[in-house]
Structure formats: structure tokens, C-alpha cells
Amino acid sequence: MFPEFIPGFIPRTRLRRGARSGTSARSRLQVSKGNSAAVAVVRPHAPSGSLVTDRDPSTVTDRPTSGCGISNVQRLRGLKCQVLRYTFRPRHDRRPNGREREQQRCRAARTMTTSAGAFGEDLTRASQTSDSWGRYYTSPIVSRSLIDSIEASKPKLVLELGSGSGSLCTAAATRWQDAKLVTVDVDHQAFKRLSTRNVGLKHRHSHFVHDVLDEALSDKIGLTLGTVDVAVCNPPYIRPRWRSDFGKILEAAGLSGTLTSVHDAGADLLFLAQNLRLLRQNGKLGLILPDGLVTAEKFGRVRRALLRQHLIEQVVQLPRGVFKGTEAQTYLAVLSKAAGETNQVVLRQMVQDGQLSAAIQVPQDAAEKRLDYTFHVRKLPQAASDGHRRMTVREALTDVVRGTVCSSAIADAGRPVFHLGDFAHRSEEQAVRIVPKRFALSDRAARLADARLALPGDILLARVGRDLEDRLALVVYGPCVISDCVFALRAKDEHRERLYRFLESDPGRHALASTAHGVAARFLSKTNLFEIQF
């Protein structure tokens, strides 16, 4: 049916991928011509099958997909596929409007959650390492460090949203024994954990089982907005499904308009905003934050708003592995609400035994970019050890190429693809790590390649991975196909050797490690790569 709409049967057919790579077991290919459009839903890596048309559900043919021109799609996408559904619809309806796109994003966001009551529908997910609410419980040493870093002598009201195991509120109750303590958690088991820690036996303690991200939370727990003296919080590491309450919470906290997309509103940002609503002016907020809010480029406007509206007193970078069950990079942050604009931020780093490094101060414009200690400490003025003037990676390059072959498509690429596992390990015997000859393409194969290539002289660098700073190689034998997890640094001839030697050295590896960011899976952006100095 409808052979005129099948790829290969119509001239100048346009092909588009309508689903993001890796988000589903199915991929969507759209073909269009004239005033009509058709959509074929295909299953990657499946044998040839039969064609089913949605225009007439009763019509099912056993015609092989290869006879329907699907081979053209295979050549373009490198996929073995089976057509599962073929849909015809008017061209004017081939693109969803803004409301439909938002509904699609909301449906996609639901896949991140599982239902567990009214609150659980938005904030619960299964995890192999966190609890069912996406929480990693705070260790006593981290709890004490956060509470001790808050400069508040005699607060009257102390609040913890998401009390979890009770480690933070226990440390708070130990220090501020005359304060009234209020804890809130959606988990009915949280109060039992607080009871086992004897929280409240000698203190005025009230605990509430409620949705922390309820816009009317203050009424539900008997507090007036803007009355809390000290708030402490370790938010769960999840991204809740967006609802209208979140927009009101962000707006009341002065953070509306700081996000590019509502899907960037993770629980960390929402918990922060809810705490700001409840704090009084000059009230203290102590938070444990994941890497995203502290270092990610997409949260730059959030950091700018916080720096300009509040006094961020200090940010402490915690060692990886400080939370059991995860290697996530986390931070302690302390701020005073509406206590003036932040001109300088104090940054520190905690080592495994709990000791803190010497403090460094970062100006506001630099803090807007990132707030992690290791990134800024390496940017302190230093003299070049080799007699050359210091320069940025951007100055040494003519181009940076990111591969286009995703890891799931490497097996079907039809040619060797250089990926993360192909980097050689560092060794003293090998002065330069070279891409193996088996990845080199002939001149003809290079001309016909439909993927981005690394060229002889390019320096290959891992873009993602926990140990990305250890993955380095030089292209020598010929052009090669690289995966989308690899950067090819195209250096100027006069800077190539110096740049490679730097990236291979301990200072270079440290620079890459401190520049990469990410809560668990670390990655390196071009922007941060360009700013590395050597």
C-alpha cells in the first residue's frame, strides 16, 4: 500500500529521525514529499519483516521490507530494521504544535518515575544504589561538617525538608539544643528512623509526613513563609515530573526564568527554592548539592541569580564516594538569604578524612561559570615550566571534531570505529600512544565515509567516562572513524607536540579531571576544554 510514500520510490525524499537516539527500542523515520507525509516506525537490529499500514488496519502484507526501499534507510542509518507500523497523515499535521510537544515531553518524563502514592508519582524511581525515593543518606562526618559551617549561634526554628535517615537533623539538634526542630518527609518510615536516633526526646521536635514540593507546604506544617532561621537539606537525586506547583515555587524564590527547559528542574533546585521561600531574611541555608547545579553550563543563570540575590558564603567540594553506593560528585553549600549580593565566594575541598583545604576566593563572574574548587584552583596564576608563555587549548587548536557514531551502532557500522575501550593504557615504555593501524581507512573509504573522521595529526581524547583524563591517543596511520564519545583535537602544527605532552602529563590529567563534570557519569564539554591553560 502507498508505494509512492516509501523511501526509494520517490525522488528527492527527505529523511528525518523523529526520535532521539537511544531513547527507545524503536526508531522513527519520517519521509515526505509534496503535501503529504508518512512515518515508518522501525525496530533496530531486527531481521526483515512485513509491512503494516495504519491507513487500513485490516490490510497486512507479507511483502519484505527490502522490497519497499527500506534498504535506502539502512544505508543512510546503518540499521538492520523491521517495519512495525507505517502511518499516513496530512503534511500540515506532521509536526506537533507547542502544546503537543510539551505533552510528549511530559510523557517521556513519566518513564523516570514509578507510582507510590500522590507524592511518589512525581518523585519516586527505582534505583540499584539509592533508596526508593532516590536518596543517598548523609554520613555523620558530612552532616557535622555542614552544620558546623553554618554561622548561626542561637536559631529559634530549624527546618529540614526530606529528613531521610535523620543524620542532618541529628547533627542540628546536637548543636542547637534550644531550637525548635521541624522535619518533613514523604516517607512514612522517616519518623521511625528519627526515633531510633533519639531526635526530639530532649528537643521541641515536630515531624510531618507530606509532599515537600507542595506549594502550600507552609500551611500544611503550620509555618509562615519567611520565618525559618536555619534550614538544612540533602535533596534526592531525581528529576520529578513537572507540575504547576513547581513554577510557583521557583517564582516565589526568585528563580523563574533561570531554566532553559522545565525538564532541567531537578529535585535539588526545587528543594533549594522551597527552602528559600520558608527562610527569613538573613536566614541560613545549608545544602548538599550534586554536580549539576554547581558546574553545569545549563545552570549558569541559576548560579547568577543566587549570587546576585543572596550571599553565598562558601562551597565545599566533597570527595567522590562519600555517599555509600555512588561515586557522585557532591558539594556542601551555605548561603544567607537576601543578605546582599555575593562579590566573592569562598571555595574549599574536603579530603577523605574530613579535613578541609585552604580556602580560595572566586569573584562573582568566575563563580557564575562554575563553583567547584578543583576547577578554580588550577586556574590560579602560574608560570609555565617549559619557558613558553601560557596559552589556552582554544588558542592551540584549529578545530575540535566530535564523532557521530553512537556506541550502540558501532557493531553495525561496517568499519572499525575508535571507541573508549580502544585507548591504550599509559606506560613508561610508550612515549606516545598511537591509534592502531587497523582503524586507518584507505583514501577511497575515507571519501565514502558517512561519519566524521579523525585525521592524521589529530589528538584523540575521551569525552565521557569516569577516567576520561587517562584516555589519550594520536592519529598517525590514516583517517579513522571515531565514536560520539571521542573528541579529535585538531592542533596547529607548532603547538601539537606541546599540547600532547601536556595532556599526557600529570598536570594535564589533573586539568582534564577537574574540568570534567557530572553527578555520576563525567563528561567534558568543548567550552570547558577550551579554557584549560598549559
Protein backbone atom coordinates (compact mmCIF):
# COMPACT_ATOMS: atom_id res chain seq x y z
CA MET A 1 0.00 0.00 0.00
CA PHE A 2 1.07 3.58 -0.71
CA PRO A 3 4.29 2.74 -2.55
CA GLU A 4 4.59 6.39 -3.56
CA PHE A 5 5.39 7.26 0.06
CA ILE A 6 8.01 4.57 0.62
CA PRO A 7 11.66 5.68 0.71
CA GLY A 8 13.37 4.79 -2.55
CA PHE A 9 10.22 5.05 -4.66
CA ILE A 10 10.11 8.86 -4.70
CA PRO A 11 12.83 11.26 -5.87
CA ARG A 12 14.47 13.76 -3.51
CA THR A 13 12.97 12.03 -0.48
CA ARG A 14 13.81 13.76 2.79
CA LEU A 15 14.65 11.57 5.76
CA ARG A 16 14.45 12.73 9.35
CA ARG A 17 14.84 10.93 12.62
CA GLY A 18 11.88 11.82 14.78
CA ALA A 19 13.04 10.15 17.99
CA ARG A 20 16.20 10.87 19.92
CA SER A 21 18.85 8.21 19.62
CA GLY A 22 18.91 5.70 22.44
CA THR A 23 15.59 6.72 24.00
CA SER A 24 13.60 3.73 22.78
CA ALA A 25 13.89 0.28 21.33
CA ARG A 26 12.19 1.74 18.24
CA SER A 27 13.37 4.47 15.92
CA ARG A 28 11.11 6.75 13.88
CA LEU A 29 11.97 7.69 10.31
CA GLN A 30 9.84 10.25 8.50
CA VAL A 31 9.64 10.60 4.73
CA SER A 32 7.82 13.42 2.98
CA LYS A 33 7.08 14.75 -0.49
CA GLY A 34 4.65 17.31 -1.80
CA ASN A 35 1.75 17.95 0.57
CA SER A 36 1.80 14.59 2.31
CA ALA A 37 3.95 12.88 4.87
CA ALA A 38 4.37 9.34 6.14
CA VAL A 39 6.00 7.90 9.22
CA ALA A 40 7.58 4.45 9.45
CA VAL A 41 8.33 3.08 12.91
CA VAL A 42 11.20 0.61 12.75
CA ARG A 43 12.86 -1.67 15.25
CA PRO A 44 16.69 -1.52 15.07
CA HIS A 45 18.75 -4.70 14.77
CA ALA A 46 15.76 -6.86 13.75
CA PRO A 47 15.51 -9.09 10.64
CA SER A 48 13.43 -8.04 7.65
CA GLY A 49 9.72 -8.37 8.27
CA SER A 50 6.34 -7.37 6.89
CA LEU A 51 4.69 -4.05 6.26
CA VAL A 52 1.54 -2.92 8.09
CA THR A 53 -0.32 0.22 7.09
CA ASP A 54 -2.22 2.33 9.59
CA ARG A 55 -4.49 3.73 6.92
CA ASP A 56 -6.26 0.39 6.63
CA PRO A 57 -5.68 -1.67 9.82
CA SER A 58 -7.09 -4.77 8.17
CA THR A 59 -4.50 -4.67 5.44
CA VAL A 60 -1.43 -6.69 6.30
CA THR A 61 1.03 -7.71 3.64
CA ASP A 62 3.93 -10.11 3.77
CA ARG A 63 5.99 -8.04 1.38
CA PRO A 64 9.62 -7.99 2.62
CA THR A 65 10.83 -4.60 3.74
CA SER A 66 13.85 -4.79 1.46
CA GLY A 67 11.47 -4.67 -1.50
CA CYS A 68 9.91 -1.49 -0.16
CA GLY A 69 13.01 0.61 -0.37
CA ILE A 70 13.91 0.27 3.31
CA SER A 71 17.43 -0.63 2.19
CA ASN A 72 17.92 3.09 1.47
CA VAL A 73 17.23 3.80 5.12
CA GLN A 74 19.62 1.04 6.11
CA ARG A 75 22.42 2.56 4.09
CA LEU A 76 21.81 6.01 5.49
CA ARG A 77 21.40 4.96 9.11
CA GLY A 78 23.45 1.79 9.30
CA LEU A 79 20.49 -0.09 10.76
CA LYS A 80 19.00 -3.52 10.21
CA CYS A 81 15.35 -2.83 10.71
CA GLN A 82 11.85 -4.24 10.54
CA VAL A 83 8.91 -2.02 9.72
CA LEU A 84 6.32 -2.34 12.51
CA ARG A 85 3.92 0.41 11.51
CA TYR A 86 3.52 2.67 8.52
CA THR A 87 1.43 5.79 9.10
CA PHE A 88 -0.01 8.20 6.55
CA ARG A 89 -1.10 11.66 7.64
CA PRO A 90 -1.52 15.11 6.02
CA ARG A 91 1.66 17.11 5.72
CA HIS A 92 0.27 20.04 7.71
CA ASP A 93 -0.01 17.71 10.74
CA ARG A 94 3.42 16.11 10.52
CA ARG A 95 4.90 18.41 13.19
CA PRO A 96 3.30 18.71 16.65
CA ASN A 97 2.47 22.16 17.96
CA GLY A 98 3.96 23.60 21.14
CA ARG A 99 1.31 22.12 23.41
CA GLU A 100 1.68 18.67 21.85
CA ARG A 101 5.46 18.84 22.19
CA GLU A 102 5.08 19.70 25.87
CA GLN A 103 2.69 16.75 26.33
CA GLN A 104 5.22 14.47 24.62
CA ARG A 105 7.97 15.69 26.94
CA CYS A 106 5.75 15.11 29.95
CA ARG A 107 5.01 11.56 28.80
CA ALA A 108 8.73 10.96 28.37
CA ALA A 109 9.42 12.33 31.84
CA ARG A 110 6.93 9.87 33.34
CA THR A 111 9.19 6.99 32.39
CA MET A 112 11.61 8.23 35.05
CA THR A 113 9.09 7.74 37.85
CA THR A 114 7.12 4.94 39.46
CA SER A 115 3.92 5.38 41.40
CA ALA A 116 3.92 5.25 45.17
CA GLY A 117 1.10 7.47 46.37
CA ALA A 118 0.43 11.07 45.45
CA PHE A 119 3.97 12.23 46.10
CA GLY A 120 5.59 9.10 44.72
CA GLU A 121 4.07 9.61 41.29
CA ASP A 122 6.34 12.63 40.94
CA LEU A 123 9.43 11.86 42.95
CA THR A 124 9.92 8.12 43.18
CA ARG A 125 12.10 5.96 40.98
CA ALA A 126 13.70 2.56 41.26
CA SER A 127 17.46 2.56 41.78
CA GLN A 128 20.07 -0.05 42.42
CA THR A 129 22.05 2.11 44.84
CA SER A 130 19.72 4.77 46.28
CA ASP A 131 16.57 4.10 48.28
CA SER A 132 13.17 4.03 46.58
CA TRP A 133 12.96 7.83 46.79
CA GLY A 134 16.27 8.44 45.01
CA ARG A 135 18.12 9.35 48.23
CA TYR A 136 21.68 8.67 49.30
CA TYR A 137 21.83 9.03 53.07
CA THR A 138 24.20 11.56 54.60
CA SER A 139 27.14 10.21 56.57
CA PRO A 140 27.74 11.63 60.09
CA ILE A 141 31.02 13.27 59.08
CA VAL A 142 29.35 15.14 56.20
CA SER A 143 26.40 16.12 58.41
CA ARG A 144 28.67 17.54 61.10
CA SER A 145 30.74 19.41 58.52
CA LEU A 146 27.67 21.07 57.05
CA ILE A 147 26.15 22.01 60.42
CA ASP A 148 29.49 23.32 61.72
CA SER A 149 29.93 25.53 58.64
CA ILE A 150 26.66 27.40 59.30
CA GLU A 151 27.29 30.57 61.28
CA ALA A 152 24.18 30.76 63.46
CA SER A 153 24.58 30.95 67.22
CA LYS A 154 21.05 30.63 68.64
CA PRO A 155 18.41 29.93 65.98
CA LYS A 156 14.85 29.57 67.22
CA LEU A 157 13.48 27.49 64.34
CA VAL A 158 15.45 24.87 62.38
CA LEU A 159 13.90 23.08 59.40
CA GLU A 160 14.89 20.03 57.38
CA LEU A 161 12.96 19.13 54.22
CA GLY A 162 13.44 15.48 53.30
CA SER A 163 14.81 14.25 56.63
CA GLY A 164 15.61 10.76 55.33
CA SER A 165 17.78 8.86 57.79
CA GLY A 166 17.90 11.80 60.21
CA SER A 167 21.65 12.39 60.07
CA LEU A 168 21.42 16.12 59.34
CA CYS A 169 18.69 16.93 61.85
CA THR A 170 20.52 14.87 64.49
CA ALA A 171 23.64 16.99 63.99
CA ALA A 172 21.49 20.14 64.05
CA ALA A 173 19.74 19.08 67.28
CA THR A 174 23.09 18.35 68.89
CA ARG A 175 24.42 21.82 68.13
CA TRP A 176 21.29 23.96 68.61
CA GLN A 177 19.69 22.32 71.63
CA ASP A 178 17.32 25.18 72.42
CA ALA A 179 15.88 25.45 68.91
CA LYS A 180 12.55 24.13 67.74
CA LEU A 181 13.18 21.42 65.12
CA VAL A 182 10.75 20.73 62.26
CA THR A 183 11.30 17.85 59.82
CA VAL A 184 9.27 16.90 56.76
CA ASP A 185 9.44 13.75 54.66
CA VAL A 186 7.04 11.91 52.38
CA ASP A 187 8.36 8.56 53.58
CA HIS A 188 6.30 7.15 56.47
CA GLN A 189 9.39 5.30 57.73
CA ALA A 190 11.36 8.51 58.22
CA PHE A 191 9.88 9.19 61.68
CA LYS A 192 10.90 5.73 62.88
CA ARG A 193 14.49 6.43 61.82
CA LEU A 194 14.38 9.75 63.67
CA SER A 195 13.06 7.99 66.77
CA THR A 196 15.91 5.49 66.77
CA ARG A 197 18.34 8.42 66.74
CA ASN A 198 16.52 9.92 69.79
CA VAL A 199 15.79 13.09 67.86
CA GLY A 200 13.12 15.01 69.75
CA LEU A 201 13.47 13.34 73.15
CA LYS A 202 15.21 16.42 74.56
CA HIS A 203 14.08 18.93 71.95
CA ARG A 204 10.90 20.51 70.68
CA HIS A 205 10.58 18.40 67.57
CA SER A 206 7.70 18.19 65.10
CA HIS A 207 7.70 15.77 62.19
CA PHE A 208 5.29 15.86 59.21
CA VAL A 209 4.65 13.24 56.56
CA HIS A 210 3.92 15.33 53.50
CA ASP A 211 4.97 16.21 49.96
CA VAL A 212 7.92 18.56 50.39
CA LEU A 213 7.25 20.17 47.00
CA ASP A 214 3.67 21.11 47.77
CA GLU A 215 3.25 24.82 47.02
CA ALA A 216 1.04 25.09 50.14
CA LEU A 217 3.55 23.24 52.35
CA SER A 218 3.81 26.07 54.89
CA ASP A 219 0.09 25.83 55.67
CA LYS A 220 0.24 22.05 55.93
CA ILE A 221 3.06 22.07 58.50
CA GLY A 222 1.94 25.15 60.44
CA LEU A 223 4.74 27.53 59.43
CA THR A 224 4.57 31.02 57.99
CA LEU A 225 6.64 31.75 54.91
CA GLY A 226 9.79 33.67 55.73
CA THR A 227 10.10 32.63 59.40
CA VAL A 228 12.70 29.83 59.47
CA ASP A 229 16.09 30.77 60.96
CA VAL A 230 18.15 27.82 59.69
CA ALA A 231 17.30 25.24 57.01
CA VAL A 232 19.38 22.16 56.19
CA CYS A 233 18.74 19.80 53.32
CA ASN A 234 20.11 16.88 51.30
CA PRO A 235 17.73 16.68 48.29
CA PRO A 236 17.09 13.39 46.45
CA TYR A 237 18.92 12.86 43.15
CA ILE A 238 15.96 12.67 40.80
CA ARG A 239 14.13 14.76 38.22
CA PRO A 240 10.43 14.94 39.12
CA ARG A 241 7.63 15.18 36.60
CA TRP A 242 6.79 18.84 36.11
CA ARG A 243 3.64 20.22 37.70
CA SER A 244 2.24 23.73 38.14
CA ASP A 245 3.30 23.91 41.81
CA PHE A 246 6.95 23.90 40.75
CA GLY A 247 6.58 27.06 38.68
CA LYS A 248 5.04 28.87 41.66
CA ILE A 249 7.80 27.67 43.98
CA LEU A 250 10.55 28.81 41.60
CA GLU A 251 8.87 32.17 41.03
CA ALA A 252 8.44 32.82 44.76
CA ALA A 253 12.14 32.01 45.27
CA GLY A 254 13.21 34.43 42.52
CA LEU A 255 14.38 31.66 40.21
CA SER A 256 11.75 31.79 37.48
CA GLY A 257 13.24 32.31 34.05
CA THR A 258 16.59 30.79 35.00
CA LEU A 259 15.96 27.47 33.24
CA THR A 260 16.05 26.78 29.53
CA SER A 261 13.56 23.92 29.93
CA VAL A 262 11.24 22.78 32.71
CA HIS A 263 12.92 19.39 32.42
CA ASP A 264 16.06 20.91 33.93
CA ALA A 265 14.19 21.41 37.19
CA GLY A 266 15.59 18.59 39.29
CA ALA A 267 14.69 17.90 42.90
CA ASP A 268 17.89 19.66 44.01
CA LEU A 269 16.80 23.01 42.54
CA LEU A 270 13.19 22.64 43.67
CA PHE A 271 14.19 21.77 47.25
CA LEU A 272 16.53 24.77 47.26
CA ALA A 273 13.71 27.06 46.09
CA GLN A 274 11.26 25.68 48.65
CA ASN A 275 13.77 26.28 51.43
CA LEU A 276 14.30 29.88 50.27
CA ARG A 277 10.56 30.51 50.48
CA LEU A 278 10.45 29.37 54.10
CA LEU A 279 13.62 31.14 55.27
CA ARG A 280 13.51 34.61 56.81
CA GLN A 281 15.74 37.38 55.54
CA ASN A 282 19.35 36.68 56.59
CA GLY A 283 18.30 33.14 57.44
CA LYS A 284 20.92 30.44 56.81
CA LEU A 285 20.56 27.60 54.31
CA GLY A 286 22.93 24.63 54.33
CA LEU A 287 22.63 22.29 51.35
CA ILE A 288 24.22 19.19 49.90
CA LEU A 289 24.19 19.64 46.13
CA PRO A 290 25.03 17.40 43.18
CA ASP A 291 27.49 18.43 40.50
CA GLY A 292 24.95 19.80 38.03
CA LEU A 293 23.87 22.95 39.89
CA VAL A 294 27.49 23.71 40.77
CA THR A 295 29.24 23.17 37.43
CA ALA A 296 26.85 22.54 34.50
CA GLU A 297 26.61 25.25 31.85
CA LYS A 298 22.82 24.98 31.65
CA PHE A 299 22.54 26.14 35.28
CA GLY A 300 24.69 29.23 34.77
CA ARG A 301 21.67 31.54 35.05
CA VAL A 302 20.62 29.80 38.27
CA ARG A 303 24.04 30.48 39.78
CA ARG A 304 23.90 34.08 38.57
CA ALA A 305 20.52 34.62 40.24
CA LEU A 306 21.68 33.09 43.52
CA LEU A 307 24.89 35.12 43.55
CA ARG A 308 23.07 38.38 42.91
CA GLN A 309 20.14 37.83 45.27
CA HIS A 310 21.82 36.08 48.19
CA LEU A 311 25.15 35.90 50.00
CA ILE A 312 26.75 32.55 49.15
CA GLU A 313 29.22 32.15 51.99
CA GLN A 314 31.10 29.04 50.91
CA VAL A 315 31.03 25.92 48.75
CA VAL A 316 32.96 22.81 49.81
CA GLN A 317 33.76 20.11 47.24
CA LEU A 318 33.33 16.66 48.79
CA PRO A 319 35.41 13.61 47.82
CA ARG A 320 33.81 11.13 45.46
CA GLY A 321 32.43 8.07 47.20
CA VAL A 322 31.45 9.98 50.34
CA PHE A 323 27.90 8.69 49.88
CA LYS A 324 27.59 4.93 50.08
CA GLY A 325 26.54 3.31 46.81
CA THR A 326 27.53 6.10 44.45
CA GLU A 327 30.60 7.87 43.09
CA ALA A 328 28.57 11.04 42.51
CA GLN A 329 30.39 14.34 42.90
CA THR A 330 28.70 16.41 45.61
CA TYR A 331 29.19 19.70 47.45
CA LEU A 332 28.28 21.49 50.66
CA ALA A 333 26.90 24.98 50.14
CA VAL A 334 25.96 27.63 52.71
CA LEU A 335 24.14 30.87 51.92
CA SER A 336 22.38 33.71 53.74
CA LYS A 337 19.02 34.63 52.23
CA ALA A 338 18.78 38.17 50.83
CA ALA A 339 21.84 39.24 52.82
CA GLY A 340 23.35 41.17 49.95
CA GLU A 341 25.00 40.39 46.65
CA THR A 342 27.86 37.90 46.57
CA ASN A 343 31.08 39.55 45.40
CA GLN A 344 33.49 36.78 46.43
CA VAL A 345 32.76 33.09 47.08
CA VAL A 346 34.94 31.01 49.39
CA LEU A 347 35.74 27.58 47.93
CA ARG A 348 37.29 24.63 49.76
CA GLN A 349 37.86 20.94 49.20
CA MET A 350 37.33 18.13 51.71
CA VAL A 351 39.62 15.11 51.67
CA GLN A 352 38.64 11.59 52.70
CA ASP A 353 39.42 12.08 56.42
CA GLY A 354 37.18 15.14 56.61
CA GLN A 355 39.94 17.75 56.64
CA LEU A 356 39.39 20.92 54.62
CA SER A 357 41.87 22.52 52.24
CA ALA A 358 42.95 26.13 52.43
CA ALA A 359 40.27 28.46 51.11
CA ILE A 360 40.40 30.24 47.79
CA GLN A 361 38.20 33.18 46.86
CA VAL A 362 36.48 33.40 43.50
CA PRO A 363 34.90 36.60 42.10
CA GLN A 364 31.25 36.65 41.07
CA ASP A 365 31.81 36.48 37.31
CA ALA A 366 34.00 33.37 37.66
CA ALA A 367 31.58 31.81 40.16
CA GLU A 368 28.75 32.13 37.64
CA LYS A 369 30.65 29.76 35.36
CA ARG A 370 31.45 27.14 37.99
CA LEU A 371 31.68 26.78 41.75
CA ASP A 372 33.93 23.74 42.17
CA TYR A 373 37.23 24.09 43.99
CA THR A 374 39.34 21.85 41.72
CA PHE A 375 38.37 23.83 38.63
CA HIS A 376 39.33 27.21 40.04
CA VAL A 377 42.43 26.17 41.97
CA ARG A 378 44.15 25.01 38.81
CA LYS A 379 43.37 28.36 37.14
CA LEU A 380 45.35 30.33 39.71
CA PRO A 381 48.25 32.26 38.11
CA GLN A 382 51.24 30.01 37.47
CA ALA A 383 54.41 30.37 35.45
CA ALA A 384 54.92 27.99 32.53
CA SER A 385 57.58 25.44 33.46
CA ASP A 386 58.91 24.93 29.92
CA GLY A 387 59.73 28.56 29.17
CA HIS A 388 56.75 29.04 26.83
CA ARG A 389 54.06 31.56 27.50
CA ARG A 390 50.89 30.08 28.95
CA MET A 391 48.07 29.65 26.46
CA THR A 392 44.61 28.13 26.36
CA VAL A 393 43.66 24.97 24.50
CA ARG A 394 41.44 27.13 22.29
CA GLU A 395 44.49 29.08 21.09
CA ALA A 396 46.34 25.88 20.19
CA LEU A 397 43.56 24.37 18.06
CA THR A 398 42.08 24.97 14.66
CA ASP A 399 39.09 22.70 15.25
CA VAL A 400 37.53 20.13 17.58
CA VAL A 401 35.63 17.24 15.99
CA ARG A 402 33.20 15.08 17.91
CA GLY A 403 32.45 11.66 16.47
CA THR A 404 28.98 10.84 15.19
CA VAL A 405 28.74 7.06 15.64
CA CYS A 406 26.90 6.17 18.85
CA SER A 407 28.10 3.19 20.84
CA SER A 408 25.00 1.12 20.02
CA ALA A 409 25.68 1.47 16.27
CA ILE A 410 29.38 0.53 16.31
CA ALA A 411 28.74 -3.17 15.69
CA ASP A 412 26.77 -2.39 12.52
CA ALA A 413 28.97 0.44 11.25
CA GLY A 414 30.64 -1.76 8.63
CA ARG A 415 34.11 -0.47 9.50
CA PRO A 416 36.27 -0.19 12.65
CA VAL A 417 35.19 2.67 14.92
CA PHE A 418 37.60 4.01 17.53
CA HIS A 419 35.77 4.00 20.87
CA LEU A 420 36.57 4.40 24.57
CA GLY A 421 37.83 0.84 25.01
CA ASP A 422 40.37 1.26 22.19
CA PHE A 423 42.57 3.77 24.02
CA ALA A 424 45.86 2.22 25.11
CA HIS A 425 46.86 2.36 28.76
CA ARG A 426 49.63 4.70 29.85
CA SER A 427 53.07 3.11 30.04
CA GLU A 428 56.57 4.39 30.57
CA GLU A 429 57.82 2.38 27.60
CA GLN A 430 55.42 4.06 25.16
CA ALA A 431 56.20 7.77 24.82
CA VAL A 432 53.22 8.40 22.53
CA ARG A 433 50.03 6.37 22.45
CA ILE A 434 49.04 5.83 18.80
CA VAL A 435 45.72 4.77 17.28
CA PRO A 436 46.24 1.19 15.98
CA LYS A 437 46.70 0.79 12.24
CA ARG A 438 43.58 -1.39 11.91
CA PHE A 439 41.42 1.75 12.35
CA ALA A 440 43.03 3.60 9.42
CA LEU A 441 40.84 4.00 6.32
CA SER A 442 42.00 3.93 2.73
CA ASP A 443 41.66 7.13 0.71
CA ARG A 444 38.61 5.75 -1.09
CA ALA A 445 36.95 4.57 2.14
CA ALA A 446 37.62 7.95 3.73
CA ARG A 447 35.93 9.75 0.83
CA LEU A 448 32.86 7.50 1.07
CA ALA A 449 32.61 7.54 4.85
CA ASP A 450 29.31 8.93 6.14
CA ALA A 451 30.72 9.66 9.61
CA ARG A 452 33.04 12.32 10.98
CA LEU A 453 36.69 11.34 10.75
CA ALA A 454 39.79 12.00 12.80
CA LEU A 455 42.73 12.90 10.56
CA PRO A 456 46.46 12.14 10.89
CA GLY A 457 47.89 14.54 13.45
CA ASP A 458 44.68 14.77 15.48
CA ILE A 459 44.87 14.16 19.23
CA LEU A 460 42.04 11.90 20.39
CA LEU A 461 40.56 12.49 23.80
CA ALA A 462 37.73 10.75 25.65
CA ARG A 463 34.69 13.00 26.03
CA VAL A 464 32.89 10.92 28.67
CA GLY A 465 33.82 8.37 31.31
CA ARG A 466 34.92 8.14 34.90
CA ASP A 467 38.62 8.06 33.91
CA LEU A 468 38.41 10.19 30.77
CA GLU A 469 41.64 12.02 31.69
CA ASP A 470 43.58 8.75 31.16
CA ARG A 471 42.35 8.21 27.58
CA LEU A 472 44.59 9.85 25.00
CA ALA A 473 45.90 8.87 21.56
CA LEU A 474 47.48 10.33 18.43
CA VAL A 475 46.25 9.58 14.90
CA VAL A 476 49.22 8.62 12.70
CA TYR A 477 48.45 5.94 10.10
CA GLY A 478 45.44 7.48 8.37
CA PRO A 479 41.90 8.85 8.80
CA CYS A 480 39.71 6.89 11.18
CA VAL A 481 36.07 6.87 12.28
CA ILE A 482 35.52 7.91 15.89
CA SER A 483 32.53 7.37 18.16
CA ASP A 484 30.49 10.20 19.65
CA CYS A 485 32.29 9.58 22.96
CA VAL A 486 35.58 10.84 21.49
CA PHE A 487 36.92 14.31 20.67
CA ALA A 488 39.50 14.82 17.92
CA LEU A 489 41.63 17.87 18.74
CA ARG A 490 42.99 19.39 15.52
CA ALA A 491 46.03 21.30 16.76
CA LYS A 492 48.18 23.83 14.94
CA ASP A 493 51.45 22.27 13.78
CA GLU A 494 53.57 24.44 16.06
CA HIS A 495 51.52 23.52 19.17
CA ARG A 496 50.68 19.84 18.55
CA GLU A 497 53.59 18.23 20.39
CA ARG A 498 53.42 20.64 23.32
CA LEU A 499 49.68 20.10 23.72
CA TYR A 500 50.02 16.31 23.57
CA ARG A 501 52.85 16.29 26.14
CA PHE A 502 50.77 18.46 28.45
CA LEU A 503 47.66 16.26 28.22
CA GLU A 504 49.82 13.18 28.85
CA SER A 505 51.45 14.76 31.93
CA ASP A 506 50.15 14.66 35.49
CA PRO A 507 49.21 18.39 35.44
CA GLY A 508 47.34 17.83 32.18
CA ARG A 509 45.47 14.84 33.52
CA HIS A 510 44.57 16.82 36.63
CA ALA A 511 43.33 19.69 34.44
CA LEU A 512 41.07 17.33 32.47
CA ALA A 513 39.79 15.63 35.61
CA SER A 514 38.92 18.92 37.31
CA THR A 515 37.33 20.35 34.16
CA ALA A 516 35.05 17.36 33.56
CA HIS A 517 31.78 17.45 35.42
CA GLY A 518 28.70 15.33 36.01
CA VAL A 519 26.97 13.84 39.03
CA ALA A 520 27.99 10.25 38.26
CA ALA A 521 28.86 9.87 34.58
CA ARG A 522 31.51 12.55 33.98
CA PHE A 523 31.77 14.37 30.67
CA LEU A 524 33.87 17.08 29.10
CA SER A 525 32.31 19.99 27.21
CA LYS A 526 34.05 21.92 24.46
CA THR A 527 33.63 25.17 26.37
CA ASN A 528 35.44 23.91 29.45
CA LEU A 529 38.06 22.13 27.34
CA PHE A 530 38.89 25.37 25.53
CA GLU A 531 39.55 27.18 28.84
CA ILE A 532 42.28 24.80 30.02
CA GLN A 533 45.62 26.60 30.19
CA PHE A 534 49.00 24.99 29.59
